[in-house]
């Protein structure tokens, strides 16, 4: 069941893109964390990669408003098309984050409420990908679970997969791939209960 749900995540968001946009809304409760992320983004750099960008609202929209150039990636074509309609001057790509086209390097990388839809086995090699996508000094921010395992939620009445590694493994993977851990908060009550990691690529 869990593997079937993991394999169905992109299709689930594709088929229910309008519902996701409505449920997500425009309330930017993530703003304090986005501000921390921007405060450690590589100095002088304006290129940010948003993995699992959804419709581009409100997170990418906030980054754009702060003067950053966004490359957004999402597996759900319907969501990237919505982002493209709202922000045509930025780059929106339909792709699975596990199999990205050549993108170059960025001054910041965010995978907010998207990375945790990968299985633990698929999350581990992503840290090498993160490293190769980041300039020295780049900020990396992602959300996760709080312990090694899998959970199945629901979205529009269908199973929605979530996976996580153990916090100590996340720390090790960050270190092994050239990142310094700056902040880690579990179940942040000020941010909808999100578990957040903020790191910076070593120079």
N, C-alpha and C. Protein backbone atom coordinates (compact mmCIF):
# COMPACT_ATOMS: atom_id res chain seq x y z
N UNK A 1 0.83 -1.22 0.00
CA UNK A 1 0.00 0.00 0.00
C UNK A 1 0.85 1.26 0.00
N UNK A 2 1.93 1.26 0.83
CA UNK A 2 2.73 2.47 0.93
C UNK A 2 3.46 2.77 -0.37
N UNK A 3 3.98 1.73 -1.05
CA UNK A 3 4.68 1.97 -2.31
C UNK A 3 3.71 2.45 -3.38
N UNK A 4 2.53 1.88 -3.41
CA UNK A 4 1.51 2.34 -4.36
C UNK A 4 1.17 3.80 -4.12
N UNK A 5 1.03 4.19 -2.86
CA UNK A 5 0.70 5.58 -2.53
C UNK A 5 1.86 6.50 -2.90
N UNK A 6 3.09 6.05 -2.67
CA UNK A 6 4.26 6.86 -3.02
C UNK A 6 4.33 7.08 -4.53
N UNK A 7 4.05 6.03 -5.28
CA UNK A 7 4.10 6.12 -6.74
C UNK A 7 2.98 7.00 -7.30
N UNK A 8 1.93 7.20 -6.53
CA UNK A 8 0.76 7.93 -7.03
C UNK A 8 0.74 9.41 -6.66
N UNK A 9 1.75 9.89 -5.94
CA UNK A 9 1.71 11.26 -5.43
C UNK A 9 1.56 12.29 -6.55
N UNK A 10 2.40 12.21 -7.57
CA UNK A 10 2.36 13.22 -8.63
C UNK A 10 1.02 13.20 -9.34
N UNK A 11 0.54 12.01 -9.67
CA UNK A 11 -0.75 11.91 -10.35
C UNK A 11 -1.88 12.45 -9.48
N UNK A 12 -1.79 12.22 -8.19
CA UNK A 12 -2.82 12.71 -7.28
C UNK A 12 -2.89 14.23 -7.30
N UNK A 13 -1.73 14.90 -7.27
CA UNK A 13 -1.71 16.36 -7.34
C UNK A 13 -2.13 16.86 -8.72
N UNK A 14 -1.75 16.14 -9.76
CA UNK A 14 -2.15 16.52 -11.11
C UNK A 14 -3.67 16.50 -11.27
N UNK A 15 -4.29 15.43 -10.79
CA UNK A 15 -5.73 15.27 -10.96
C UNK A 15 -6.54 16.20 -10.07
N UNK A 16 -5.92 16.67 -9.00
CA UNK A 16 -6.65 17.50 -8.04
C UNK A 16 -5.97 18.85 -7.84
N UNK A 17 -5.39 19.38 -8.91
CA UNK A 17 -4.63 20.63 -8.79
C UNK A 17 -5.50 21.79 -8.33
N UNK A 18 -6.71 21.90 -8.85
CA UNK A 18 -7.59 23.01 -8.44
C UNK A 18 -7.95 22.91 -6.97
N UNK A 19 -8.19 21.69 -6.50
CA UNK A 19 -8.49 21.50 -5.09
C UNK A 19 -7.30 21.88 -4.22
N UNK A 20 -6.09 21.52 -4.68
CA UNK A 20 -4.90 21.87 -3.90
C UNK A 20 -4.73 23.39 -3.80
N UNK A 21 -4.92 24.08 -4.92
CA UNK A 21 -4.79 25.54 -4.91
C UNK A 21 -5.78 26.15 -3.92
N UNK A 22 -7.02 25.65 -3.93
CA UNK A 22 -8.01 26.18 -3.01
C UNK A 22 -7.69 25.89 -1.57
N UNK A 23 -7.22 24.68 -1.28
CA UNK A 23 -6.90 24.31 0.09
C UNK A 23 -5.66 25.04 0.59
N UNK A 24 -4.68 25.23 -0.30
CA UNK A 24 -3.44 25.91 0.11
C UNK A 24 -3.70 27.34 0.50
N UNK A 25 -4.51 28.05 -0.26
CA UNK A 25 -4.82 29.43 0.07
C UNK A 25 -3.63 30.34 -0.06
N UNK A 26 -3.78 31.56 0.43
CA UNK A 26 -2.74 32.59 0.28
C UNK A 26 -2.11 33.02 1.60
N UNK A 27 -2.51 32.41 2.70
CA UNK A 27 -1.93 32.77 3.99
C UNK A 27 -0.49 32.30 4.06
N UNK A 28 0.41 33.23 4.27
CA UNK A 28 1.85 32.90 4.24
C UNK A 28 2.36 32.73 5.67
N UNK A 29 1.93 31.67 6.33
CA UNK A 29 2.41 31.41 7.69
C UNK A 29 3.87 31.00 7.71
N UNK A 30 4.42 30.67 6.53
CA UNK A 30 5.83 30.29 6.43
C UNK A 30 6.77 31.50 6.38
N UNK A 31 6.25 32.70 6.36
CA UNK A 31 7.10 33.87 6.11
C UNK A 31 8.30 33.98 7.03
N UNK A 32 8.19 33.76 8.35
CA UNK A 32 9.39 33.88 9.19
C UNK A 32 10.50 32.92 8.75
N UNK A 33 10.13 31.70 8.34
CA UNK A 33 11.15 30.76 7.87
C UNK A 33 11.69 31.16 6.51
N UNK A 34 10.84 31.69 5.65
CA UNK A 34 11.32 32.17 4.35
C UNK A 34 12.29 33.32 4.54
N UNK A 35 12.03 34.18 5.50
CA UNK A 35 12.94 35.29 5.77
C UNK A 35 14.29 34.78 6.28
N UNK A 36 14.27 33.74 7.11
CA UNK A 36 15.54 33.15 7.57
C UNK A 36 16.29 32.54 6.40
N UNK A 37 15.57 31.85 5.56
CA UNK A 37 16.15 31.26 4.35
C UNK A 37 16.82 32.33 3.49
N UNK A 38 16.13 33.42 3.24
CA UNK A 38 16.69 34.48 2.41
C UNK A 38 17.88 35.15 3.08
N UNK A 39 17.86 35.20 4.40
CA UNK A 39 18.96 35.88 5.12
C UNK A 39 20.28 35.15 4.98
N UNK A 40 20.24 33.84 4.64
CA UNK A 40 21.50 33.09 4.50
C UNK A 40 21.72 32.63 3.06
N UNK A 41 20.89 33.10 2.14
CA UNK A 41 21.11 32.80 0.73
C UNK A 41 22.43 33.40 0.29
N UNK A 42 23.14 32.72 -0.57
CA UNK A 42 24.48 33.15 -1.00
C UNK A 42 24.50 34.63 -1.35
N UNK A 43 25.42 35.35 -0.76
CA UNK A 43 25.48 36.80 -0.92
C UNK A 43 25.57 37.20 -2.39
N UNK A 44 24.74 38.14 -2.75
CA UNK A 44 24.74 38.65 -4.11
C UNK A 44 24.01 37.78 -5.10
N UNK A 45 23.54 36.59 -4.64
CA UNK A 45 22.86 35.67 -5.55
C UNK A 45 21.36 35.85 -5.54
N UNK A 46 20.74 35.70 -6.69
CA UNK A 46 19.30 35.92 -6.81
C UNK A 46 18.57 34.74 -7.42
N UNK A 47 19.28 33.64 -7.66
CA UNK A 47 18.67 32.49 -8.32
C UNK A 47 18.25 31.44 -7.27
N UNK A 48 16.94 31.14 -7.22
CA UNK A 48 16.42 30.16 -6.26
C UNK A 48 15.71 29.05 -7.00
N UNK A 49 15.99 27.82 -6.57
CA UNK A 49 15.31 26.64 -7.10
C UNK A 49 14.26 26.19 -6.09
N UNK A 50 13.01 26.09 -6.55
CA UNK A 50 11.88 25.67 -5.72
C UNK A 50 11.45 24.29 -6.21
N UNK A 51 11.81 23.25 -5.46
CA UNK A 51 11.46 21.88 -5.83
C UNK A 51 10.13 21.51 -5.20
N UNK A 52 9.16 21.19 -6.05
CA UNK A 52 7.80 20.99 -5.56
C UNK A 52 7.11 22.32 -5.41
N UNK A 53 7.23 23.14 -6.45
CA UNK A 53 6.78 24.55 -6.37
C UNK A 53 5.27 24.70 -6.37
N UNK A 54 4.53 23.66 -6.76
CA UNK A 54 3.08 23.79 -6.84
C UNK A 54 2.68 24.89 -7.80
N UNK A 55 1.72 25.68 -7.39
CA UNK A 55 1.19 26.76 -8.24
C UNK A 55 2.03 28.03 -8.17
N UNK A 56 3.07 28.02 -7.34
CA UNK A 56 3.89 29.22 -7.18
C UNK A 56 3.34 30.21 -6.18
N UNK A 57 2.20 29.91 -5.62
CA UNK A 57 1.60 30.80 -4.63
C UNK A 57 1.30 30.03 -3.35
N UNK A 58 1.64 30.62 -2.21
CA UNK A 58 2.20 31.96 -2.05
C UNK A 58 3.73 31.99 -1.87
N UNK A 59 4.40 30.82 -1.81
CA UNK A 59 5.82 30.82 -1.44
C UNK A 59 6.69 31.44 -2.52
N UNK A 60 6.65 30.92 -3.75
CA UNK A 60 7.46 31.50 -4.81
C UNK A 60 7.09 32.96 -5.03
N UNK A 61 5.82 33.26 -4.90
CA UNK A 61 5.36 34.65 -5.06
C UNK A 61 6.07 35.58 -4.07
N UNK A 62 6.24 35.10 -2.84
CA UNK A 62 6.91 35.91 -1.82
C UNK A 62 8.40 36.08 -2.17
N UNK A 63 9.03 35.03 -2.63
CA UNK A 63 10.44 35.12 -3.01
C UNK A 63 10.62 36.07 -4.19
N UNK A 64 9.70 36.00 -5.15
CA UNK A 64 9.74 36.90 -6.30
C UNK A 64 9.58 38.35 -5.84
N UNK A 65 8.66 38.58 -4.92
CA UNK A 65 8.42 39.94 -4.43
C UNK A 65 9.65 40.51 -3.73
N UNK A 66 10.53 39.62 -3.25
CA UNK A 66 11.76 40.05 -2.60
C UNK A 66 12.93 40.15 -3.58
N UNK A 67 12.64 40.04 -4.87
CA UNK A 67 13.65 40.30 -5.88
C UNK A 67 14.41 39.10 -6.39
N UNK A 68 13.91 37.90 -6.12
CA UNK A 68 14.62 36.70 -6.54
C UNK A 68 14.06 36.14 -7.84
N UNK A 69 14.92 35.50 -8.61
CA UNK A 69 14.54 34.83 -9.84
C UNK A 69 14.31 33.36 -9.52
N UNK A 70 13.13 32.85 -9.88
CA UNK A 70 12.72 31.51 -9.48
C UNK A 70 12.77 30.54 -10.65
N UNK A 71 13.34 29.37 -10.38
CA UNK A 71 13.13 28.20 -11.23
C UNK A 71 12.31 27.23 -10.39
N UNK A 72 11.09 26.99 -10.82
CA UNK A 72 10.19 26.11 -10.08
C UNK A 72 10.04 24.78 -10.79
N UNK A 73 10.08 23.70 -10.02
CA UNK A 73 9.95 22.35 -10.56
C UNK A 73 8.83 21.63 -9.83
N UNK A 74 7.94 21.01 -10.60
CA UNK A 74 6.89 20.20 -9.99
C UNK A 74 6.50 19.12 -10.98
N UNK A 75 6.15 17.95 -10.46
CA UNK A 75 5.74 16.87 -11.34
C UNK A 75 4.36 17.03 -11.91
N UNK A 76 3.53 17.85 -11.27
CA UNK A 76 2.16 18.05 -11.71
C UNK A 76 2.11 19.19 -12.72
N UNK A 77 1.90 18.86 -13.99
CA UNK A 77 1.91 19.87 -15.05
C UNK A 77 0.85 20.94 -14.84
N UNK A 78 -0.29 20.55 -14.28
CA UNK A 78 -1.36 21.52 -14.08
C UNK A 78 -0.94 22.61 -13.09
N UNK A 79 -0.15 22.25 -12.11
CA UNK A 79 0.31 23.24 -11.13
C UNK A 79 1.38 24.14 -11.72
N UNK A 80 2.33 23.58 -12.46
CA UNK A 80 3.36 24.44 -13.05
C UNK A 80 2.76 25.37 -14.09
N UNK A 81 1.71 24.94 -14.77
CA UNK A 81 1.06 25.81 -15.74
C UNK A 81 0.40 26.99 -15.03
N UNK A 82 -0.20 26.75 -13.89
CA UNK A 82 -0.77 27.84 -13.10
C UNK A 82 0.31 28.82 -12.67
N UNK A 83 1.45 28.29 -12.23
CA UNK A 83 2.57 29.16 -11.85
C UNK A 83 3.05 29.98 -13.04
N UNK A 84 3.13 29.36 -14.19
CA UNK A 84 3.59 30.06 -15.40
C UNK A 84 2.62 31.17 -15.79
N UNK A 85 1.33 30.93 -15.62
CA UNK A 85 0.34 31.96 -15.95
C UNK A 85 0.47 33.18 -15.05
N UNK A 86 0.78 32.94 -13.78
CA UNK A 86 0.89 34.05 -12.84
C UNK A 86 2.24 34.76 -12.91
N UNK A 87 3.30 33.99 -13.22
CA UNK A 87 4.66 34.55 -13.17
C UNK A 87 5.42 34.13 -14.43
N UNK A 88 5.02 34.65 -15.60
CA UNK A 88 5.60 34.19 -16.86
C UNK A 88 7.07 34.56 -17.04
N UNK A 89 7.57 35.50 -16.26
CA UNK A 89 8.97 35.92 -16.41
C UNK A 89 9.92 34.98 -15.68
N UNK A 90 9.39 34.00 -14.99
CA UNK A 90 10.21 33.02 -14.28
C UNK A 90 10.14 31.67 -14.98
N UNK A 91 10.93 30.72 -14.53
CA UNK A 91 11.05 29.43 -15.21
C UNK A 91 10.31 28.35 -14.43
N UNK A 92 9.44 27.62 -15.13
CA UNK A 92 8.63 26.58 -14.51
C UNK A 92 8.79 25.29 -15.31
N UNK A 93 9.18 24.23 -14.65
CA UNK A 93 9.57 22.98 -15.30
C UNK A 93 8.75 21.83 -14.73
N UNK A 94 8.21 21.00 -15.62
CA UNK A 94 7.52 19.79 -15.20
C UNK A 94 8.54 18.67 -15.10
N UNK A 95 8.80 18.21 -13.89
CA UNK A 95 9.79 17.14 -13.69
C UNK A 95 9.65 16.57 -12.29
N UNK A 96 10.07 15.35 -12.15
CA UNK A 96 10.20 14.68 -10.86
C UNK A 96 11.54 15.11 -10.27
N UNK A 97 11.56 15.53 -9.02
CA UNK A 97 12.82 16.01 -8.43
C UNK A 97 13.89 14.93 -8.39
N UNK A 98 13.50 13.68 -8.50
CA UNK A 98 14.48 12.59 -8.50
C UNK A 98 15.15 12.43 -9.87
N UNK A 99 14.62 13.07 -10.87
CA UNK A 99 15.14 12.93 -12.23
C UNK A 99 15.07 14.29 -12.94
N UNK A 100 15.94 15.19 -12.50
CA UNK A 100 15.90 16.57 -12.98
C UNK A 100 16.70 16.73 -14.27
N UNK A 101 16.28 17.64 -15.13
CA UNK A 101 17.12 18.02 -16.26
C UNK A 101 18.31 18.85 -15.77
N UNK A 102 19.24 19.14 -16.65
CA UNK A 102 20.37 20.00 -16.28
C UNK A 102 19.84 21.39 -15.93
N UNK A 103 20.15 21.86 -14.74
CA UNK A 103 19.61 23.13 -14.27
C UNK A 103 20.68 24.14 -13.89
N UNK A 104 21.92 23.71 -13.76
CA UNK A 104 22.94 24.61 -13.26
C UNK A 104 22.93 24.65 -11.74
N UNK A 105 23.45 25.74 -11.18
CA UNK A 105 23.51 25.88 -9.73
C UNK A 105 22.76 27.13 -9.28
N UNK A 106 22.36 27.10 -8.01
CA UNK A 106 21.49 28.14 -7.47
C UNK A 106 22.05 28.69 -6.16
N UNK A 107 21.56 29.87 -5.80
CA UNK A 107 21.98 30.52 -4.57
C UNK A 107 21.08 30.15 -3.39
N UNK A 108 19.99 29.48 -3.68
CA UNK A 108 19.09 28.98 -2.66
C UNK A 108 18.25 27.85 -3.22
N UNK A 109 17.94 26.86 -2.38
CA UNK A 109 17.13 25.72 -2.81
C UNK A 109 16.12 25.43 -1.72
N UNK A 110 14.85 25.36 -2.09
CA UNK A 110 13.79 25.10 -1.12
C UNK A 110 12.95 23.93 -1.62
N UNK A 111 12.63 23.03 -0.70
CA UNK A 111 11.74 21.89 -1.00
C UNK A 111 10.74 21.79 0.14
N UNK A 112 9.76 22.68 0.08
CA UNK A 112 8.80 22.86 1.19
C UNK A 112 7.58 21.97 0.97
N UNK A 113 7.36 21.05 1.91
CA UNK A 113 6.21 20.14 1.86
C UNK A 113 6.15 19.39 0.52
N UNK A 114 7.30 19.04 0.00
CA UNK A 114 7.38 18.28 -1.25
C UNK A 114 8.36 17.12 -1.11
N UNK A 115 9.53 17.41 -0.58
CA UNK A 115 10.57 16.39 -0.37
C UNK A 115 10.04 15.23 0.47
N UNK A 116 9.16 15.54 1.42
CA UNK A 116 8.67 14.48 2.31
C UNK A 116 7.64 13.55 1.66
N UNK A 117 7.34 13.78 0.39
CA UNK A 117 6.52 12.82 -0.35
C UNK A 117 7.35 11.71 -0.98
N UNK A 118 8.69 11.79 -0.85
CA UNK A 118 9.56 10.72 -1.34
C UNK A 118 9.73 9.65 -0.26
N UNK A 119 9.96 8.43 -0.70
CA UNK A 119 10.25 7.37 0.25
C UNK A 119 11.60 7.62 0.92
N UNK A 120 11.83 7.02 2.09
CA UNK A 120 13.15 7.17 2.70
C UNK A 120 14.28 6.76 1.76
N UNK A 121 14.08 5.70 0.98
CA UNK A 121 15.11 5.22 0.05
C UNK A 121 15.39 6.27 -1.03
N UNK A 122 14.37 6.98 -1.46
CA UNK A 122 14.56 8.01 -2.49
C UNK A 122 15.07 9.32 -1.92
N UNK A 123 14.85 9.55 -0.64
CA UNK A 123 15.34 10.79 -0.03
C UNK A 123 16.86 10.80 0.11
N UNK A 124 17.44 9.68 0.44
CA UNK A 124 18.89 9.65 0.74
C UNK A 124 19.73 10.18 -0.42
N UNK A 125 19.55 9.71 -1.65
CA UNK A 125 20.40 10.22 -2.75
C UNK A 125 20.10 11.66 -3.14
N UNK A 126 18.99 12.22 -2.66
CA UNK A 126 18.67 13.60 -3.00
C UNK A 126 19.67 14.59 -2.42
N UNK A 127 20.37 14.22 -1.35
CA UNK A 127 21.30 15.18 -0.74
C UNK A 127 22.51 15.43 -1.62
N UNK A 128 22.92 14.44 -2.37
CA UNK A 128 23.98 14.67 -3.36
C UNK A 128 23.47 15.58 -4.47
N UNK A 129 22.22 15.40 -4.88
CA UNK A 129 21.61 16.27 -5.88
C UNK A 129 21.53 17.70 -5.35
N UNK A 130 21.06 17.85 -4.11
CA UNK A 130 21.00 19.19 -3.50
C UNK A 130 22.37 19.85 -3.56
N UNK A 131 23.40 19.11 -3.19
CA UNK A 131 24.74 19.67 -3.14
C UNK A 131 25.20 20.15 -4.51
N UNK A 132 24.94 19.33 -5.53
CA UNK A 132 25.38 19.69 -6.88
C UNK A 132 24.59 20.86 -7.46
N UNK A 133 23.41 21.11 -6.92
CA UNK A 133 22.58 22.22 -7.40
C UNK A 133 22.88 23.54 -6.71
N UNK A 134 23.73 23.51 -5.68
CA UNK A 134 23.95 24.70 -4.85
C UNK A 134 25.33 25.32 -5.08
N UNK A 135 25.35 26.63 -5.25
CA UNK A 135 26.59 27.39 -5.18
C UNK A 135 27.13 27.34 -3.75
N UNK A 136 28.42 27.52 -3.55
CA UNK A 136 28.93 27.70 -2.18
C UNK A 136 28.19 28.85 -1.49
N UNK A 137 27.79 28.61 -0.27
CA UNK A 137 27.04 29.62 0.48
C UNK A 137 25.55 29.57 0.28
N UNK A 138 25.07 28.69 -0.59
CA UNK A 138 23.63 28.64 -0.86
C UNK A 138 22.86 28.12 0.35
N UNK A 139 21.66 28.63 0.51
CA UNK A 139 20.76 28.15 1.55
C UNK A 139 19.97 26.96 1.05
N UNK A 140 19.73 25.99 1.92
CA UNK A 140 18.89 24.84 1.64
C UNK A 140 17.85 24.75 2.75
N UNK A 141 16.58 24.68 2.37
CA UNK A 141 15.52 24.51 3.36
C UNK A 141 14.52 23.47 2.87
N UNK A 142 14.19 22.53 3.75
CA UNK A 142 13.22 21.51 3.41
C UNK A 142 12.45 21.11 4.66
N UNK A 143 11.33 20.43 4.46
CA UNK A 143 10.53 19.92 5.57
C UNK A 143 10.54 18.41 5.54
N UNK A 144 10.35 17.81 6.71
CA UNK A 144 10.43 16.36 6.85
C UNK A 144 9.47 15.89 7.93
N UNK A 145 9.50 14.59 8.17
CA UNK A 145 8.86 14.04 9.35
C UNK A 145 9.80 14.12 10.53
N UNK A 146 9.41 13.49 11.63
CA UNK A 146 10.21 13.57 12.85
C UNK A 146 10.94 12.28 13.20
N UNK A 147 10.67 11.21 12.45
CA UNK A 147 11.30 9.92 12.74
C UNK A 147 11.29 9.07 11.47
N UNK A 148 12.18 8.10 11.42
CA UNK A 148 12.23 7.20 10.27
C UNK A 148 10.91 6.46 10.13
N UNK A 149 10.34 6.51 8.94
CA UNK A 149 9.10 5.79 8.72
C UNK A 149 8.27 6.37 7.61
N UNK A 150 7.07 5.84 7.49
CA UNK A 150 6.13 6.24 6.45
C UNK A 150 4.77 6.48 7.07
N UNK A 151 4.07 7.48 6.55
CA UNK A 151 2.71 7.78 6.98
C UNK A 151 1.84 7.97 5.74
N UNK A 152 0.61 7.56 5.84
CA UNK A 152 -0.33 7.75 4.75
C UNK A 152 -1.45 8.68 5.23
N UNK A 153 -1.48 9.87 4.66
CA UNK A 153 -2.57 10.79 4.93
C UNK A 153 -3.63 10.64 3.86
N UNK A 154 -4.47 11.66 3.72
CA UNK A 154 -5.48 11.65 2.66
C UNK A 154 -5.53 13.03 1.99
N UNK A 155 -5.85 13.02 0.73
CA UNK A 155 -6.07 14.24 -0.04
C UNK A 155 -7.17 13.93 -1.04
N UNK A 156 -8.25 14.67 -0.96
CA UNK A 156 -9.41 14.45 -1.83
C UNK A 156 -9.86 12.98 -1.79
N UNK A 157 -9.84 12.43 -0.58
CA UNK A 157 -10.32 11.07 -0.38
C UNK A 157 -9.38 9.97 -0.83
N UNK A 158 -8.16 10.34 -1.26
CA UNK A 158 -7.19 9.36 -1.75
C UNK A 158 -5.98 9.31 -0.81
N UNK A 159 -5.29 8.18 -0.77
CA UNK A 159 -4.10 8.09 0.08
C UNK A 159 -3.01 9.04 -0.38
N UNK A 160 -2.39 9.74 0.58
CA UNK A 160 -1.30 10.66 0.28
C UNK A 160 -0.09 10.26 1.10
N UNK A 161 0.97 9.91 0.41
CA UNK A 161 2.16 9.33 1.04
C UNK A 161 3.08 10.39 1.63
N UNK A 162 3.67 10.06 2.79
CA UNK A 162 4.73 10.87 3.40
C UNK A 162 5.81 9.91 3.92
N UNK A 163 7.06 10.27 3.69
CA UNK A 163 8.17 9.47 4.20
C UNK A 163 9.16 10.34 4.95
N UNK A 164 9.93 9.73 5.82
CA UNK A 164 10.92 10.50 6.58
C UNK A 164 12.08 9.61 6.99
N UNK A 165 13.23 10.23 7.13
CA UNK A 165 14.38 9.62 7.77
C UNK A 165 14.43 10.02 9.24
N UNK A 166 15.33 9.42 9.97
CA UNK A 166 15.57 9.83 11.34
C UNK A 166 16.34 11.15 11.36
N UNK A 167 16.09 12.02 12.33
CA UNK A 167 16.82 13.29 12.36
C UNK A 167 18.33 13.15 12.35
N UNK A 168 18.86 12.14 13.02
CA UNK A 168 20.32 11.98 13.02
C UNK A 168 20.83 11.63 11.62
N UNK A 169 20.04 10.92 10.83
CA UNK A 169 20.46 10.60 9.47
C UNK A 169 20.41 11.84 8.59
N UNK A 170 19.37 12.67 8.75
CA UNK A 170 19.35 13.93 8.00
C UNK A 170 20.60 14.76 8.31
N UNK A 171 20.95 14.84 9.58
CA UNK A 171 22.14 15.61 9.95
C UNK A 171 23.39 15.04 9.29
N UNK A 172 23.52 13.73 9.30
CA UNK A 172 24.69 13.09 8.68
C UNK A 172 24.74 13.34 7.18
N UNK A 173 23.58 13.22 6.52
CA UNK A 173 23.54 13.43 5.08
C UNK A 173 23.88 14.86 4.71
N UNK A 174 23.40 15.81 5.49
CA UNK A 174 23.75 17.20 5.24
C UNK A 174 25.26 17.39 5.35
N UNK A 175 25.85 16.89 6.43
CA UNK A 175 27.28 17.04 6.65
C UNK A 175 28.09 16.36 5.55
N UNK A 176 27.71 15.14 5.21
CA UNK A 176 28.45 14.37 4.20
C UNK A 176 28.41 15.02 2.83
N UNK A 177 27.39 15.82 2.59
CA UNK A 177 27.24 16.46 1.28
C UNK A 177 27.56 17.95 1.29
N UNK A 178 28.29 18.38 2.32
CA UNK A 178 28.86 19.71 2.31
C UNK A 178 27.98 20.82 2.83
N UNK A 179 27.03 20.49 3.71
CA UNK A 179 26.15 21.50 4.28
C UNK A 179 26.39 21.66 5.78
N UNK A 180 26.29 22.89 6.26
CA UNK A 180 26.25 23.16 7.69
C UNK A 180 24.79 23.32 8.11
N UNK A 181 24.39 22.61 9.15
CA UNK A 181 23.04 22.75 9.66
C UNK A 181 22.94 24.02 10.49
N UNK A 182 22.02 24.89 10.15
CA UNK A 182 21.84 26.15 10.85
C UNK A 182 20.70 26.09 11.86
N UNK A 183 19.56 25.53 11.44
CA UNK A 183 18.40 25.44 12.33
C UNK A 183 17.61 24.18 12.00
N UNK A 184 17.04 23.61 13.06
CA UNK A 184 16.14 22.46 12.90
C UNK A 184 15.09 22.55 14.00
N UNK A 185 13.83 22.61 13.59
CA UNK A 185 12.73 22.70 14.55
C UNK A 185 11.71 21.63 14.20
N UNK A 186 11.35 20.83 15.20
CA UNK A 186 10.33 19.81 14.99
C UNK A 186 8.96 20.34 15.38
N UNK A 187 7.97 20.04 14.55
CA UNK A 187 6.57 20.36 14.84
C UNK A 187 6.40 21.82 15.26
N UNK A 188 6.96 22.72 14.48
CA UNK A 188 6.93 24.15 14.82
C UNK A 188 5.49 24.64 14.93
N UNK A 189 5.04 25.02 16.14
CA UNK A 189 3.65 25.44 16.30
C UNK A 189 3.34 26.77 15.60
N UNK A 190 4.37 27.55 15.28
CA UNK A 190 4.16 28.81 14.59
C UNK A 190 4.08 28.64 13.08
N UNK A 191 4.31 27.39 12.61
CA UNK A 191 4.35 27.16 11.17
C UNK A 191 3.54 25.91 10.80
N UNK A 192 2.35 25.82 11.38
CA UNK A 192 1.46 24.73 11.05
C UNK A 192 1.94 23.36 11.46
N UNK A 193 2.84 23.29 12.44
CA UNK A 193 3.37 22.01 12.89
C UNK A 193 4.43 21.41 11.99
N UNK A 194 5.00 22.21 11.10
CA UNK A 194 6.02 21.71 10.17
C UNK A 194 7.32 21.40 10.91
N UNK A 195 8.02 20.40 10.41
CA UNK A 195 9.37 20.10 10.88
C UNK A 195 10.34 20.60 9.80
N UNK A 196 11.19 21.52 10.19
CA UNK A 196 11.93 22.33 9.22
C UNK A 196 13.44 22.19 9.43
N UNK A 197 14.14 22.11 8.31
CA UNK A 197 15.60 22.08 8.29
C UNK A 197 16.10 23.25 7.45
N UNK A 198 17.03 24.00 8.01
CA UNK A 198 17.67 25.10 7.28
C UNK A 198 19.18 24.89 7.36
N UNK A 199 19.82 24.79 6.20
CA UNK A 199 21.25 24.53 6.13
C UNK A 199 21.89 25.45 5.10
N UNK A 200 23.23 25.46 5.09
CA UNK A 200 23.95 26.30 4.14
C UNK A 200 25.12 25.52 3.58
N UNK A 201 25.26 25.59 2.25
CA UNK A 201 26.35 24.90 1.57
C UNK A 201 27.68 25.54 1.98
N UNK A 202 28.63 24.70 2.34
CA UNK A 202 29.93 25.22 2.75
C UNK A 202 30.63 25.88 1.57
N UNK A 203 31.42 26.89 1.85
CA UNK A 203 32.19 27.57 0.80
C UNK A 203 33.45 26.78 0.49
